[in-house]
């Protein structure tokens, strides 16, 4: 069974190293300022010629309230009027990008993220969707995967009705934790009733899928009180769950400085939370997809994993990895063919650049042949928990063991430790290694190796 996991605490402690989440390879850490608008136009032209389907990501950065744990690109404001100049520039960007694509290219996937997308008024949401439909080929038959992130404190039945009317059929609901003490510690007071009301509305309005986000490792969390949150969430019966590990990096993310570090659970408590959560969810019928994601067996992610068509991009696990991903809005990332590019993360810079009729592309990367090869290897491992060497050899015209010969001792060590099986034909990630699949992927990350060499001095 793909969802089988074996919990091995000793193995987890040895291999639980900091490393990329591999929503892309190369990762965003490798992006550089040498990539700009010209590269984006060139990639869009290639997409148009190839008539590839599209996935659109739209970033709405505004939030009315700050959540102390948040590491997203956001703007905290009570002034709803700040959305108007942003939307004007966003619509300008939509128009500039769309004119380089073919109207025949269908938008199979659409996702509004943030921030809080429902910070926008109903009229603003209507206008933005109308503008997207005018310039992109959005599907009208409800067959696309059109999702939006929801803060239940910023949505009600009328909001959900509007979103369904506009074509959204998936919702991702931020919950994080239901314990009032934890909520106060991270400045996110949100009742179970508020969350249930939004879910009830989504079900009544026939949204296709409901995802709930949880975070473990927050201040004042314990294995016991987090288990109670998970039980309540199971009773809500979401189709998917994302269970994220809170990374406390106050030196990088200013809001996290308001969190009392002494109130954070210990590493051992965090491990216990994760173990109990996975046990609770699998007992309730959810399948472990990989990393932070679980889904019901009839969910499209679970089915895609069974059929080995699951992929991964900047939006996480997806069934639309074959689409060109076009990111719109401040800090949004695009993946078009072999190009990765990101808009400026500074709101004023983003708006000012577009005000001068220029796209706000600020950095990126064009994959070379080695990047493409390693990207496919990492994609196979992180999505399928297996890698067939013959497929890679045929696709990239290499001898796998010859090309990656220098990595063989590390892989053999992982095989000896019981993370993987390794022979001349394939790698299989074992149940004890599935929670640690990022560590297996890191072996194939050429850039990570370079960074480590630069970071550490020689022992002697």
Protein backbone atom coordinates (compact mmCIF):
# COMPACT_ATOMS: atom_id res chain seq x y z
CA UNK A 1 0.00 0.00 0.00
CA UNK A 2 1.30 3.43 -0.92
CA UNK A 3 -0.02 4.94 2.30
CA UNK A 4 1.88 2.47 4.54
CA UNK A 5 4.29 4.22 6.92
CA UNK A 6 6.53 2.72 9.57
CA UNK A 7 7.49 5.12 12.36
CA UNK A 8 11.15 4.73 13.33
CA UNK A 9 12.16 7.37 15.89
CA UNK A 10 15.90 6.62 15.73
CA UNK A 11 15.91 6.87 11.94
CA UNK A 12 13.94 10.12 12.04
CA UNK A 13 16.37 11.69 14.52
CA UNK A 14 19.35 10.74 12.34
CA UNK A 15 17.94 11.91 9.01
CA UNK A 16 15.76 14.82 10.16
CA UNK A 17 18.01 17.48 8.61
CA UNK A 18 17.10 20.94 7.33
CA UNK A 19 16.53 20.82 3.59
CA UNK A 20 14.36 22.02 0.69
CA UNK A 21 10.69 21.13 0.31
CA UNK A 22 11.24 20.56 -3.44
CA UNK A 23 8.22 22.40 -4.73
CA UNK A 24 10.73 22.95 -7.53
CA UNK A 25 14.18 21.79 -8.55
CA UNK A 26 16.34 23.81 -8.64
CA UNK A 27 14.76 25.49 -5.63
CA UNK A 28 13.94 29.20 -5.33
CA UNK A 29 17.20 29.66 -3.36
CA UNK A 30 19.00 29.35 -6.72
CA UNK A 31 17.00 32.11 -8.43
CA UNK A 32 19.12 35.03 -9.58
CA UNK A 33 18.60 38.52 -10.99
CA UNK A 34 20.07 37.58 -14.40
CA UNK A 35 16.63 36.25 -15.42
CA UNK A 36 14.14 38.93 -16.41
CA UNK A 37 11.23 39.93 -18.60
CA UNK A 38 12.90 38.91 -21.88
CA UNK A 39 13.26 35.33 -20.61
CA UNK A 40 9.62 35.31 -19.56
CA UNK A 41 8.43 36.51 -22.97
CA UNK A 42 10.57 33.84 -24.66
CA UNK A 43 9.07 31.11 -22.41
CA UNK A 44 5.51 32.35 -23.02
CA UNK A 45 6.11 32.24 -26.78
CA UNK A 46 7.29 28.61 -26.49
CA UNK A 47 4.22 27.79 -24.40
CA UNK A 48 2.00 29.36 -27.07
CA UNK A 49 3.70 27.39 -29.85
CA UNK A 50 3.39 24.12 -27.93
CA UNK A 51 -0.24 24.91 -27.00
CA UNK A 52 0.38 23.73 -23.44
CA UNK A 53 -2.52 24.01 -20.95
CA UNK A 54 -2.18 26.55 -18.16
CA UNK A 55 -2.31 26.75 -14.38
CA UNK A 56 -2.81 30.26 -12.99
CA UNK A 57 -1.76 31.36 -9.51
CA UNK A 58 -3.06 34.75 -8.30
CA UNK A 59 -1.52 36.26 -5.16
CA UNK A 60 -3.66 38.55 -2.99
CA UNK A 61 -1.30 39.77 -0.25
CA UNK A 62 -3.69 41.57 2.12
CA UNK A 63 -4.74 40.42 5.60
CA UNK A 64 -6.79 42.36 8.13
CA UNK A 65 -5.02 40.69 11.06
CA UNK A 66 -1.52 39.35 11.62
CA UNK A 67 -0.91 35.70 12.50
CA UNK A 68 2.41 35.55 14.35
CA UNK A 69 3.52 32.22 12.81
CA UNK A 70 3.01 33.35 9.21
CA UNK A 71 5.92 33.32 6.76
CA UNK A 72 3.86 34.25 3.67
CA UNK A 73 4.29 37.42 1.62
CA UNK A 74 1.52 39.59 3.05
CA UNK A 75 0.46 43.15 3.86
CA UNK A 76 -1.37 43.66 7.17
CA UNK A 77 -3.96 46.45 6.93
CA UNK A 78 -7.46 47.32 8.05
CA UNK A 79 -7.74 49.72 5.10
CA UNK A 80 -9.72 47.81 2.43
CA UNK A 81 -9.03 50.67 0.02
CA UNK A 82 -5.44 49.50 -0.37
CA UNK A 83 -6.67 46.66 -2.56
CA UNK A 84 -7.82 48.98 -5.36
CA UNK A 85 -4.42 50.23 -6.67
CA UNK A 86 -3.07 46.68 -6.35
CA UNK A 87 -5.94 45.24 -8.39
CA UNK A 88 -5.39 47.87 -11.08
CA UNK A 89 -1.77 46.75 -11.48
CA UNK A 90 -2.72 43.08 -11.25
CA UNK A 91 -5.22 43.53 -14.09
CA UNK A 92 -2.50 45.27 -16.08
CA UNK A 93 -0.17 42.30 -15.50
CA UNK A 94 -2.90 39.86 -16.57
CA UNK A 95 -3.31 41.76 -19.82
CA UNK A 96 0.46 42.00 -20.50
CA UNK A 97 0.98 38.26 -19.90
CA UNK A 98 -2.12 37.07 -21.77
CA UNK A 99 -1.23 38.84 -25.00
CA UNK A 100 1.81 36.53 -25.32
CA UNK A 101 -0.30 33.38 -25.00
CA UNK A 102 -2.91 31.80 -27.24
CA UNK A 103 -6.60 32.13 -26.27
CA UNK A 104 -6.93 28.44 -27.14
CA UNK A 105 -4.66 27.45 -24.20
CA UNK A 106 -7.09 26.19 -21.58
CA UNK A 107 -6.71 27.11 -17.91
CA UNK A 108 -7.03 23.70 -16.25
CA UNK A 109 -6.11 24.98 -12.80
CA UNK A 110 -6.63 28.30 -11.02
CA UNK A 111 -5.62 29.12 -7.46
CA UNK A 112 -6.07 32.31 -5.43
CA UNK A 113 -3.61 32.47 -2.53
CA UNK A 114 -2.39 35.03 -0.08
CA UNK A 115 -2.64 36.74 2.29
CA UNK A 116 -6.38 36.44 2.45
CA UNK A 117 -8.05 36.43 -0.99
CA UNK A 118 -11.46 37.13 0.57
CA UNK A 119 -10.02 40.40 1.93
CA UNK A 120 -11.31 41.66 -1.44
CA UNK A 121 -14.90 42.87 -1.60
CA UNK A 122 -17.50 40.93 -3.57
CA UNK A 123 -17.39 43.55 -6.35
CA UNK A 124 -13.59 43.38 -6.49
CA UNK A 125 -13.66 39.57 -6.72
CA UNK A 126 -16.26 39.77 -9.50
CA UNK A 127 -14.20 42.30 -11.44
CA UNK A 128 -10.95 40.35 -11.05
CA UNK A 129 -12.54 37.10 -12.23
CA UNK A 130 -14.21 38.89 -15.15
CA UNK A 131 -10.82 40.30 -16.15
CA UNK A 132 -9.22 36.84 -15.96
CA UNK A 133 -12.01 35.36 -18.08
CA UNK A 134 -11.64 38.14 -20.62
CA UNK A 135 -7.92 37.48 -21.13
CA UNK A 136 -7.53 33.75 -20.38
CA UNK A 137 -9.47 30.69 -21.51
CA UNK A 138 -11.11 29.77 -18.21
CA UNK A 139 -13.36 26.72 -18.41
CA UNK A 140 -17.11 27.23 -18.02
CA UNK A 141 -18.17 23.63 -17.42
CA UNK A 142 -16.82 23.25 -13.83
CA UNK A 143 -14.27 20.71 -15.07
CA UNK A 144 -11.23 22.80 -14.05
CA UNK A 145 -9.60 22.74 -10.62
CA UNK A 146 -10.34 26.27 -9.44
CA UNK A 147 -9.38 26.76 -5.80
CA UNK A 148 -9.12 29.57 -3.29
CA UNK A 149 -7.65 29.90 0.21
CA UNK A 150 -10.24 30.80 2.85
CA UNK A 151 -9.90 32.37 6.28
CA UNK A 152 -13.25 31.49 7.94
CA UNK A 153 -13.10 34.80 9.82
CA UNK A 154 -13.24 36.57 6.44
CA UNK A 155 -15.97 34.50 4.77
CA UNK A 156 -19.65 33.66 5.27
CA UNK A 157 -22.43 31.93 3.34
CA UNK A 158 -22.80 34.85 0.91
CA UNK A 159 -19.03 34.84 0.26
CA UNK A 160 -19.07 31.10 -0.43
CA UNK A 161 -22.07 31.53 -2.75
CA UNK A 162 -20.25 34.24 -4.67
CA UNK A 163 -17.10 32.12 -5.02
CA UNK A 164 -19.10 29.18 -6.35
CA UNK A 165 -20.90 31.48 -8.78
CA UNK A 166 -17.53 32.81 -10.01
CA UNK A 167 -16.36 29.28 -10.85
CA UNK A 168 -14.39 28.18 -7.79
CA UNK A 169 -14.93 24.53 -6.89
CA UNK A 170 -12.17 23.89 -4.33
CA UNK A 171 -11.45 25.60 -1.02
CA UNK A 172 -8.44 25.44 1.28
CA UNK A 173 -9.28 26.49 4.83
CA UNK A 174 -6.70 27.79 7.29
CA UNK A 175 -7.37 26.35 10.74
CA UNK A 176 -3.93 25.61 12.30
CA UNK A 177 -5.20 24.75 15.83
CA UNK A 178 -8.48 24.87 17.74
CA UNK A 179 -7.09 25.27 21.26
CA UNK A 180 -7.92 28.81 22.53
CA UNK A 181 -4.59 29.15 24.40
CA UNK A 182 -2.63 28.28 21.25
CA UNK A 183 -4.80 30.63 19.19
CA UNK A 184 -4.14 33.51 21.60
CA UNK A 185 -0.38 32.78 21.51
CA UNK A 186 -0.31 33.17 17.70
CA UNK A 187 -3.01 35.90 17.47
CA UNK A 188 -5.49 33.84 15.47
CA UNK A 189 -8.76 33.47 17.34
CA UNK A 190 -11.01 31.25 15.24
CA UNK A 191 -13.82 29.10 16.57
CA UNK A 192 -14.78 25.63 15.44
CA UNK A 193 -18.25 27.02 14.68
CA UNK A 194 -16.84 29.61 12.25
CA UNK A 195 -14.87 26.90 10.46
CA UNK A 196 -17.80 24.47 10.39
CA UNK A 197 -20.11 27.13 8.93
CA UNK A 198 -17.77 27.69 5.97
CA UNK A 199 -17.41 23.93 5.40
CA UNK A 200 -21.19 23.42 5.59
CA UNK A 201 -21.64 26.20 3.03
CA UNK A 202 -19.01 24.64 0.73
CA UNK A 203 -20.73 21.24 0.90
CA UNK A 204 -24.21 22.68 0.34
CA UNK A 205 -22.94 24.68 -2.63
CA UNK A 206 -21.28 21.54 -4.05
CA UNK A 207 -17.65 22.58 -3.94
CA UNK A 208 -15.73 19.58 -5.21
CA UNK A 209 -13.00 19.47 -2.56
CA UNK A 210 -12.24 20.87 0.89
CA UNK A 211 -8.70 21.07 2.29
CA UNK A 212 -7.84 22.02 5.87
CA UNK A 213 -4.43 23.34 6.97
CA UNK A 214 -3.04 22.44 10.39
CA UNK A 215 0.28 23.43 11.97
CA UNK A 216 2.09 21.49 14.69
CA UNK A 217 4.91 22.97 16.76
CA UNK A 218 3.11 26.22 17.70
CA UNK A 219 3.48 27.80 21.16
CA UNK A 220 1.47 26.16 23.96
CA UNK A 221 0.74 23.08 21.85
CA UNK A 222 1.06 19.68 23.50
CA UNK A 223 0.61 16.23 21.97
CA UNK A 224 -2.64 15.94 23.98
CA UNK A 225 -4.30 19.22 22.98
CA UNK A 226 -3.21 18.90 19.34
CA UNK A 227 -4.71 15.38 19.24
CA UNK A 228 -8.03 16.93 20.31
CA UNK A 229 -7.80 19.42 17.44
CA UNK A 230 -7.13 16.56 15.00
CA UNK A 231 -10.17 14.65 16.32
CA UNK A 232 -12.38 17.70 15.76
CA UNK A 233 -10.97 18.12 12.25
CA UNK A 234 -11.66 14.47 11.42
CA UNK A 235 -15.30 15.08 12.38
CA UNK A 236 -15.41 17.83 9.72
CA UNK A 237 -14.40 15.22 7.09
CA UNK A 238 -12.21 17.32 4.77
CA UNK A 239 -11.12 15.64 1.54
CA UNK A 240 -7.49 16.63 2.12
CA UNK A 241 -5.33 17.81 4.99
CA UNK A 242 -2.03 19.67 5.06
CA UNK A 243 -0.23 19.20 8.37
CA UNK A 244 2.70 21.61 8.44
CA UNK A 245 5.69 21.67 10.76
CA UNK A 246 6.07 25.16 12.24
CA UNK A 247 9.57 26.49 11.57
CA UNK A 248 10.48 29.18 14.11
CA UNK A 249 12.73 31.62 12.22
CA UNK A 250 12.23 35.01 13.93
CA UNK A 251 15.42 36.38 12.37
CA UNK A 252 13.83 35.97 8.92
CA UNK A 253 10.13 36.59 9.63
CA UNK A 254 9.40 39.59 11.81
CA UNK A 255 5.90 38.53 13.03
CA UNK A 256 7.46 35.42 14.60
CA UNK A 257 9.37 37.68 17.00
CA UNK A 258 6.09 38.11 18.89
CA UNK A 259 6.08 34.40 19.71
CA UNK A 260 7.54 33.44 23.08
CA UNK A 261 10.19 30.87 22.23
CA UNK A 262 9.93 29.36 25.73
CA UNK A 263 6.34 28.35 24.96
CA UNK A 264 7.28 26.27 21.91
CA UNK A 265 7.02 22.48 22.24
CA UNK A 266 10.25 20.49 22.37
CA UNK A 267 11.52 18.55 19.31
CA UNK A 268 10.43 15.33 21.02
CA UNK A 269 6.92 16.71 21.58
CA UNK A 270 6.73 17.81 17.92
CA UNK A 271 7.68 14.32 16.78
CA UNK A 272 5.01 12.86 19.06
CA UNK A 273 2.43 15.28 17.62
CA UNK A 274 3.26 14.24 14.08
CA UNK A 275 3.22 10.55 14.91
CA UNK A 276 -0.14 10.76 16.70
CA UNK A 277 -1.62 12.92 13.94
CA UNK A 278 -0.65 10.46 11.21
CA UNK A 279 -1.96 7.56 13.31
CA UNK A 280 -5.27 9.36 13.95
CA UNK A 281 -5.75 10.32 10.31
CA UNK A 282 -4.79 6.95 8.83
CA UNK A 283 -7.12 5.24 11.34
CA UNK A 284 -9.85 7.58 10.02
CA UNK A 285 -9.19 6.42 6.45
CA UNK A 286 -6.81 9.09 5.15
CA UNK A 287 -3.83 8.15 3.02
CA UNK A 288 -0.38 9.60 3.51
CA UNK A 289 0.44 11.24 0.16
CA UNK A 290 3.84 12.55 1.14
CA UNK A 291 5.52 15.17 3.28
CA UNK A 292 2.68 17.15 4.92
CA UNK A 293 -0.26 15.91 2.86
CA UNK A 294 -2.97 13.35 3.51
CA UNK A 295 -6.10 12.67 1.47
CA UNK A 296 -9.09 10.35 1.37
CA UNK A 297 -8.65 7.33 -0.96
CA UNK A 298 -11.11 8.68 -3.55
CA UNK A 299 -9.39 12.08 -3.71
CA UNK A 300 -7.65 12.94 -6.99
CA UNK A 301 -4.23 13.17 -5.29
CA UNK A 302 -4.54 9.66 -3.87
CA UNK A 303 -5.74 8.28 -7.20
CA UNK A 304 -2.94 10.06 -9.10
CA UNK A 305 -0.35 8.60 -6.71
CA UNK A 306 -1.76 5.09 -7.25
CA UNK A 307 -1.54 5.65 -11.01
CA UNK A 308 1.92 7.26 -10.71
CA UNK A 309 0.79 10.49 -12.37
CA UNK A 310 1.15 12.68 -9.26
CA UNK A 311 3.44 15.69 -9.64
CA UNK A 312 4.74 18.55 -7.52
CA UNK A 313 5.07 22.28 -8.16
CA UNK A 314 5.03 25.57 -6.25
CA UNK A 315 1.47 24.84 -5.13
CA UNK A 316 2.53 21.50 -3.61
CA UNK A 317 1.30 18.11 -4.81
CA UNK A 318 -0.79 18.45 -7.95
CA UNK A 319 -2.44 16.55 -10.77
CA UNK A 320 -1.63 19.46 -13.12
CA UNK A 321 2.15 19.37 -13.29
CA UNK A 322 1.90 19.10 -17.08
CA UNK A 323 0.53 22.65 -17.22
CA UNK A 324 2.62 25.79 -17.53
CA UNK A 325 2.23 27.64 -14.24
CA UNK A 326 1.74 31.41 -14.61
CA UNK A 327 2.12 33.38 -11.37
CA UNK A 328 0.30 36.72 -11.13
CA UNK A 329 0.70 39.31 -8.38
CA UNK A 330 3.41 40.41 -5.95
CA UNK A 331 6.00 37.65 -5.21
CA UNK A 332 4.18 35.15 -7.48
CA UNK A 333 6.33 32.43 -9.10
CA UNK A 334 5.89 31.07 -12.62
CA UNK A 335 7.18 27.78 -14.02
CA UNK A 336 6.93 27.82 -17.81
CA UNK A 337 8.80 25.06 -19.57
CA UNK A 338 12.38 25.26 -18.31
CA UNK A 339 11.98 28.77 -16.90
CA UNK A 340 11.32 29.66 -13.29
CA UNK A 341 10.70 33.33 -12.60
CA UNK A 342 9.39 35.36 -9.70
CA UNK A 343 7.79 38.79 -9.44
CA UNK A 344 9.17 41.37 -7.03
CA UNK A 345 8.24 40.60 -3.42
CA UNK A 346 7.99 44.29 -2.59
CA UNK A 347 4.46 45.65 -3.05
CA UNK A 348 5.52 49.19 -4.00
CA UNK A 349 8.13 47.94 -6.46
CA UNK A 350 5.61 45.55 -8.01
CA UNK A 351 3.02 48.31 -8.45
CA UNK A 352 5.48 50.95 -9.65
CA UNK A 353 7.04 48.64 -12.26
CA UNK A 354 3.65 47.79 -13.72
CA UNK A 355 2.66 51.46 -13.59
CA UNK A 356 5.44 52.04 -16.14
CA UNK A 357 3.95 49.27 -18.34
CA UNK A 358 6.74 46.81 -17.47
CA UNK A 359 6.35 43.34 -15.96
CA UNK A 360 7.61 42.99 -12.38
CA UNK A 361 9.85 39.96 -13.00
CA UNK A 362 12.76 40.32 -10.58
CA UNK A 363 14.62 36.99 -10.56
CA UNK A 364 14.53 33.41 -11.76
CA UNK A 365 16.43 30.57 -13.38
CA UNK A 366 16.56 28.70 -16.68
CA UNK A 367 17.07 24.95 -16.17
CA UNK A 368 20.00 23.28 -17.90
CA UNK A 369 20.19 19.61 -18.94
CA UNK A 370 21.47 18.47 -15.53
CA UNK A 371 18.69 20.44 -13.77
CA UNK A 372 16.03 18.76 -15.91
CA UNK A 373 17.44 15.30 -15.18
CA UNK A 374 17.69 15.82 -11.42
CA UNK A 375 14.27 17.51 -11.37
CA UNK A 376 12.70 14.37 -12.85
CA UNK A 377 14.56 12.08 -10.41
CA UNK A 378 13.44 14.15 -7.39
CA UNK A 379 9.89 14.41 -8.77
CA UNK A 380 9.62 10.62 -9.10
CA UNK A 381 10.93 10.00 -5.60
CA UNK A 382 8.85 12.62 -3.81
CA UNK A 383 5.62 11.75 -5.63
CA UNK A 384 5.83 8.00 -6.25
CA UNK A 385 8.30 6.87 -3.56
CA UNK A 386 10.08 4.95 -6.32
CA UNK A 387 12.45 5.51 -9.21
CA UNK A 388 12.91 3.28 -12.26
CA UNK A 389 16.40 3.78 -13.68
CA UNK A 390 15.50 2.50 -17.16
CA UNK A 391 12.82 5.19 -17.56
CA UNK A 392 15.31 7.93 -16.65
CA UNK A 393 17.99 6.43 -18.90
CA UNK A 394 15.62 6.32 -21.85
CA UNK A 395 14.27 9.83 -21.25
CA UNK A 396 17.66 11.50 -20.80
CA UNK A 397 19.98 9.16 -22.73
CA UNK A 398 22.29 8.44 -19.81
CA UNK A 399 23.61 5.48 -17.85
CA UNK A 400 22.03 6.09 -14.44
CA UNK A 401 24.62 4.41 -12.26
CA UNK A 402 27.43 5.94 -14.29
CA UNK A 403 25.97 9.46 -14.13
CA UNK A 404 25.23 9.30 -10.40
CA UNK A 405 28.13 7.02 -9.42
CA UNK A 406 29.47 9.48 -6.84
CA UNK A 407 26.17 9.32 -4.96
CA UNK A 408 26.10 5.52 -4.70
CA UNK A 409 27.79 5.27 -1.26
CA UNK A 410 25.17 7.62 0.25
CA UNK A 411 22.33 5.64 -1.32
CA UNK A 412 23.87 2.37 -0.12
CA UNK A 413 24.05 3.80 3.42
CA UNK A 414 20.35 4.74 3.22
CA UNK A 415 19.57 1.22 1.99
CA UNK A 416 21.56 -0.24 4.88
CA UNK A 417 19.59 1.96 7.30
CA UNK A 418 16.26 0.80 5.88
CA UNK A 419 15.10 4.04 4.22
CA UNK A 420 15.21 2.59 0.71
CA UNK A 421 15.86 -0.54 -1.27
CA UNK A 422 18.54 -0.10 -3.94
CA UNK A 423 19.54 -2.38 -6.79
CA UNK A 424 20.74 -1.97 -10.37
CA UNK A 425 17.22 -1.27 -11.63
CA UNK A 426 15.45 0.99 -9.14
CA UNK A 427 15.12 2.81 -5.84
CA UNK A 428 12.11 2.07 -3.67
CA UNK A 429 11.39 4.27 -0.64
CA UNK A 430 10.42 1.94 2.19
CA UNK A 431 7.64 2.63 4.74
CA UNK A 432 10.27 3.76 7.28
CA UNK A 433 11.72 6.20 4.72
CA UNK A 434 8.54 7.83 3.44
CA UNK A 435 8.46 10.50 6.15
CA UNK A 436 12.09 11.21 5.27
CA UNK A 437 11.76 11.29 1.49
CA UNK A 438 13.20 14.83 1.42
CA UNK A 439 16.46 13.40 2.79
CA UNK A 440 16.55 10.90 -0.08
CA UNK A 441 15.90 13.70 -2.60
CA UNK A 442 18.67 15.82 -1.06
CA UNK A 443 21.21 13.21 -2.18
CA UNK A 444 20.43 14.18 -5.80
CA UNK A 445 20.49 17.96 -5.19
CA UNK A 446 23.67 19.26 -6.84
CA UNK A 447 23.20 22.79 -5.47
CA UNK A 448 22.78 21.65 -1.88
CA UNK A 449 26.15 19.91 -2.08
CA UNK A 450 27.80 23.10 -3.40
CA UNK A 451 26.22 25.20 -0.64
CA UNK A 452 27.47 22.83 2.03
CA UNK A 453 31.01 22.98 0.68
CA UNK A 454 30.95 26.76 0.69
CA UNK A 455 29.37 26.96 4.12
CA UNK A 456 31.78 24.74 6.04
CA UNK A 457 35.52 25.07 6.40
CA UNK A 458 37.83 22.02 6.11
CA UNK A 459 38.25 19.99 9.27
CA UNK A 460 42.01 19.96 8.89
